[in-house]
Amino acid sequence: MGARQFYTEEFKRKIVELRRSGRTVLELSREYKITTTSIRAWERQIANSGEFGVEANESQGEKELKTLKAENRQLKMENDILKQAALILGRKEK
């Protein structure tokens, strides 16, 4: 298996434009040495959000999960701080 290729956003847009102009996925795959899977994924990404970034193409559920995980981390940290403060205050009162 070869090394993973990284393509610029400009290149991806060019391929999607060529696809929309009537070129087949197979033609583009052979000519530009890209997988058909990549071409189809780029088409979906442009259709969904107009962008290629991972965050731009997350589903609403994925975005919500990411937000909830961040909030959970924040709340755990705040809870730990409050526990430590309670221990310190408890020692001082004795």
C-alpha atoms as a PDB file:
ATOM      1  CA  MET A   1       0.000   0.000   0.000  1.00  0.00           C
ATOM      2  CA  GLY A   2       1.424   3.403  -0.995  1.00  0.00           C
ATOM      3  CA  ALA A   3       1.892   6.534   1.026  1.00  0.00           C
ATOM      4  CA  ARG A   4      -1.185   8.587   1.674  1.00  0.00           C
ATOM      5  CA  GLN A   5      -1.645  11.498  -0.749  1.00  0.00           C
ATOM      6  CA  PHE A   6      -2.720  14.947   0.365  1.00  0.00           C
ATOM      7  CA  TYR A   7      -4.391  17.208  -2.154  1.00  0.00           C
ATOM      8  CA  THR A   8      -4.904  20.955  -2.023  1.00  0.00           C
ATOM      9  CA  GLU A   9      -8.380  22.384  -1.797  1.00  0.00           C
ATOM     10  CA  GLU A  10      -7.821  24.019  -5.183  1.00  0.00           C
ATOM     11  CA  PHE A  11      -7.019  20.644  -6.759  1.00  0.00           C
ATOM     12  CA  LYS A  12     -10.081  19.019  -5.194  1.00  0.00           C
ATOM     13  CA  ARG A  13     -12.316  21.824  -6.474  1.00  0.00           C
ATOM     14  CA  LYS A  14     -10.840  21.429  -9.966  1.00  0.00           C
ATOM     15  CA  ILE A  15     -11.622  17.692  -9.941  1.00  0.00           C
ATOM     16  CA  VAL A  16     -15.198  18.308  -8.744  1.00  0.00           C
ATOM     17  CA  GLU A  17     -15.670  20.960 -11.456  1.00  0.00           C
ATOM     18  CA  LEU A  18     -14.391  18.551 -14.118  1.00  0.00           C
ATOM     19  CA  ARG A  19     -16.767  15.910 -12.788  1.00  0.00           C
ATOM     20  CA  ARG A  20     -19.688  18.341 -12.982  1.00  0.00           C
ATOM     21  CA  SER A  21     -18.719  19.240 -16.541  1.00  0.00           C
ATOM     22  CA  GLY A  22     -19.401  15.665 -17.600  1.00  0.00           C
ATOM     23  CA  ARG A  23     -16.161  13.779 -17.048  1.00  0.00           C
ATOM     24  CA  THR A  24     -16.613  10.353 -15.500  1.00  0.00           C
ATOM     25  CA  VAL A  25     -15.162   9.380 -12.144  1.00  0.00           C
ATOM     26  CA  LEU A  26     -13.174   6.634 -13.843  1.00  0.00           C
ATOM     27  CA  GLU A  27     -11.662   9.027 -16.410  1.00  0.00           C
ATOM     28  CA  LEU A  28     -10.591  11.463 -13.715  1.00  0.00           C
ATOM     29  CA  SER A  29      -9.254   8.676 -11.538  1.00  0.00           C
ATOM     30  CA  ARG A  30      -7.046   7.345 -14.307  1.00  0.00           C
ATOM     31  CA  GLU A  31      -5.903  10.733 -15.608  1.00  0.00           C
ATOM     32  CA  TYR A  32      -5.030  12.278 -12.237  1.00  0.00           C
ATOM     33  CA  LYS A  33      -4.078   9.070 -10.404  1.00  0.00           C
ATOM     34  CA  ILE A  34      -6.683   9.516  -7.642  1.00  0.00           C
ATOM     35  CA  THR A  35      -9.024   6.931  -6.224  1.00  0.00           C
ATOM     36  CA  THR A  36     -12.641   6.949  -7.306  1.00  0.00           C
ATOM     37  CA  THR A  37     -13.543   6.932  -3.614  1.00  0.00           C
ATOM     38  CA  SER A  38     -11.713  10.231  -3.099  1.00  0.00           C
ATOM     39  CA  ILE A  39     -13.471  11.862  -6.034  1.00  0.00           C
ATOM     40  CA  ARG A  40     -16.892  10.779  -4.790  1.00  0.00           C
ATOM     41  CA  ALA A  41     -16.062  11.939  -1.256  1.00  0.00           C
ATOM     42  CA  TRP A  42     -15.015  15.370  -2.557  1.00  0.00           C
ATOM     43  CA  GLU A  43     -18.260  15.628  -4.506  1.00  0.00           C
ATOM     44  CA  ARG A  44     -20.277  14.823  -1.368  1.00  0.00           C
ATOM     45  CA  GLN A  45     -18.326  17.295   0.752  1.00  0.00           C
ATOM     46  CA  ILE A  46     -18.871  20.122  -1.730  1.00  0.00           C
ATOM     47  CA  ALA A  47     -22.557  19.242  -2.035  1.00  0.00           C
ATOM     48  CA  ASN A  48     -23.023  19.096   1.768  1.00  0.00           C
ATOM     49  CA  SER A  49     -21.151  22.166   2.940  1.00  0.00           C
ATOM     50  CA  GLY A  50     -19.208  23.684   0.071  1.00  0.00           C
ATOM     51  CA  GLU A  51     -15.984  22.898   1.938  1.00  0.00           C
ATOM     52  CA  PHE A  52     -13.506  20.064   2.340  1.00  0.00           C
ATOM     53  CA  GLY A  53     -12.586  20.437   6.009  1.00  0.00           C
ATOM     54  CA  VAL A  54     -13.542  17.704   8.448  1.00  0.00           C
ATOM     55  CA  GLU A  55     -15.382  20.088  10.771  1.00  0.00           C
ATOM     56  CA  ALA A  56     -17.387  21.566   7.926  1.00  0.00           C
ATOM     57  CA  ASN A  57     -18.633  18.121   6.962  1.00  0.00           C
ATOM     58  CA  GLU A  58     -19.571  16.812  10.400  1.00  0.00           C
ATOM     59  CA  SER A  59     -23.176  15.814  10.918  1.00  0.00           C
ATOM     60  CA  GLN A  60     -25.291  17.722  13.413  1.00  0.00           C
ATOM     61  CA  GLY A  61     -25.004  14.771  15.808  1.00  0.00           C
ATOM     62  CA  GLU A  62     -21.206  14.754  15.555  1.00  0.00           C
ATOM     63  CA  LYS A  63     -21.062  18.496  16.215  1.00  0.00           C
ATOM     64  CA  GLU A  64     -23.363  18.148  19.219  1.00  0.00           C
ATOM     65  CA  LEU A  65     -21.318  15.236  20.593  1.00  0.00           C
ATOM     66  CA  LYS A  66     -18.107  17.242  20.252  1.00  0.00           C
ATOM     67  CA  THR A  67     -19.711  20.186  22.097  1.00  0.00           C
ATOM     68  CA  LEU A  68     -21.045  17.958  24.865  1.00  0.00           C
ATOM     69  CA  LYS A  69     -17.668  16.265  25.340  1.00  0.00           C
ATOM     70  CA  ALA A  70     -15.954  19.650  25.665  1.00  0.00           C
ATOM     71  CA  GLU A  71     -18.588  20.795  28.157  1.00  0.00           C
ATOM     72  CA  ASN A  72     -18.190  17.551  30.113  1.00  0.00           C
ATOM     73  CA  ARG A  73     -14.392  18.061  30.321  1.00  0.00           C
ATOM     74  CA  GLN A  74     -14.918  21.617  31.557  1.00  0.00           C
ATOM     75  CA  LEU A  75     -17.436  20.533  34.207  1.00  0.00           C
ATOM     76  CA  LYS A  76     -15.159  17.731  35.450  1.00  0.00           C
ATOM     77  CA  MET A  77     -12.301  20.180  35.808  1.00  0.00           C
ATOM     78  CA  GLU A  78     -14.494  22.662  37.697  1.00  0.00           C
ATOM     79  CA  ASN A  79     -15.755  19.847  39.933  1.00  0.00           C
ATOM     80  CA  ASP A  80     -12.179  18.794  40.755  1.00  0.00           C
ATOM     81  CA  ILE A  81     -11.290  22.396  41.634  1.00  0.00           C
ATOM     82  CA  LEU A  82     -14.299  22.655  43.947  1.00  0.00           C
ATOM     83  CA  LYS A  83     -13.387  19.360  45.636  1.00  0.00           C
ATOM     84  CA  GLN A  84      -9.841  20.584  46.247  1.00  0.00           C
ATOM     85  CA  ALA A  85     -11.124  23.910  47.591  1.00  0.00           C
ATOM     86  CA  ALA A  86     -13.487  22.101  49.957  1.00  0.00           C
ATOM     87  CA  LEU A  87     -10.615  19.950  51.264  1.00  0.00           C
ATOM     88  CA  ILE A  88      -8.428  23.033  51.829  1.00  0.00           C
ATOM     89  CA  LEU A  89     -11.235  24.950  53.562  1.00  0.00           C
ATOM     90  CA  GLY A  90     -12.059  21.909  55.686  1.00  0.00           C
ATOM     91  CA  ARG A  91      -8.457  21.746  56.940  1.00  0.00           C
ATOM     92  CA  LYS A  92      -8.373  25.450  57.817  1.00  0.00           C
ATOM     93  CA  GLU A  93     -11.519  25.277  59.939  1.00  0.00           C
ATOM     94  CA  LYS A  94     -10.052  22.670  62.309  1.00  0.00           C
END
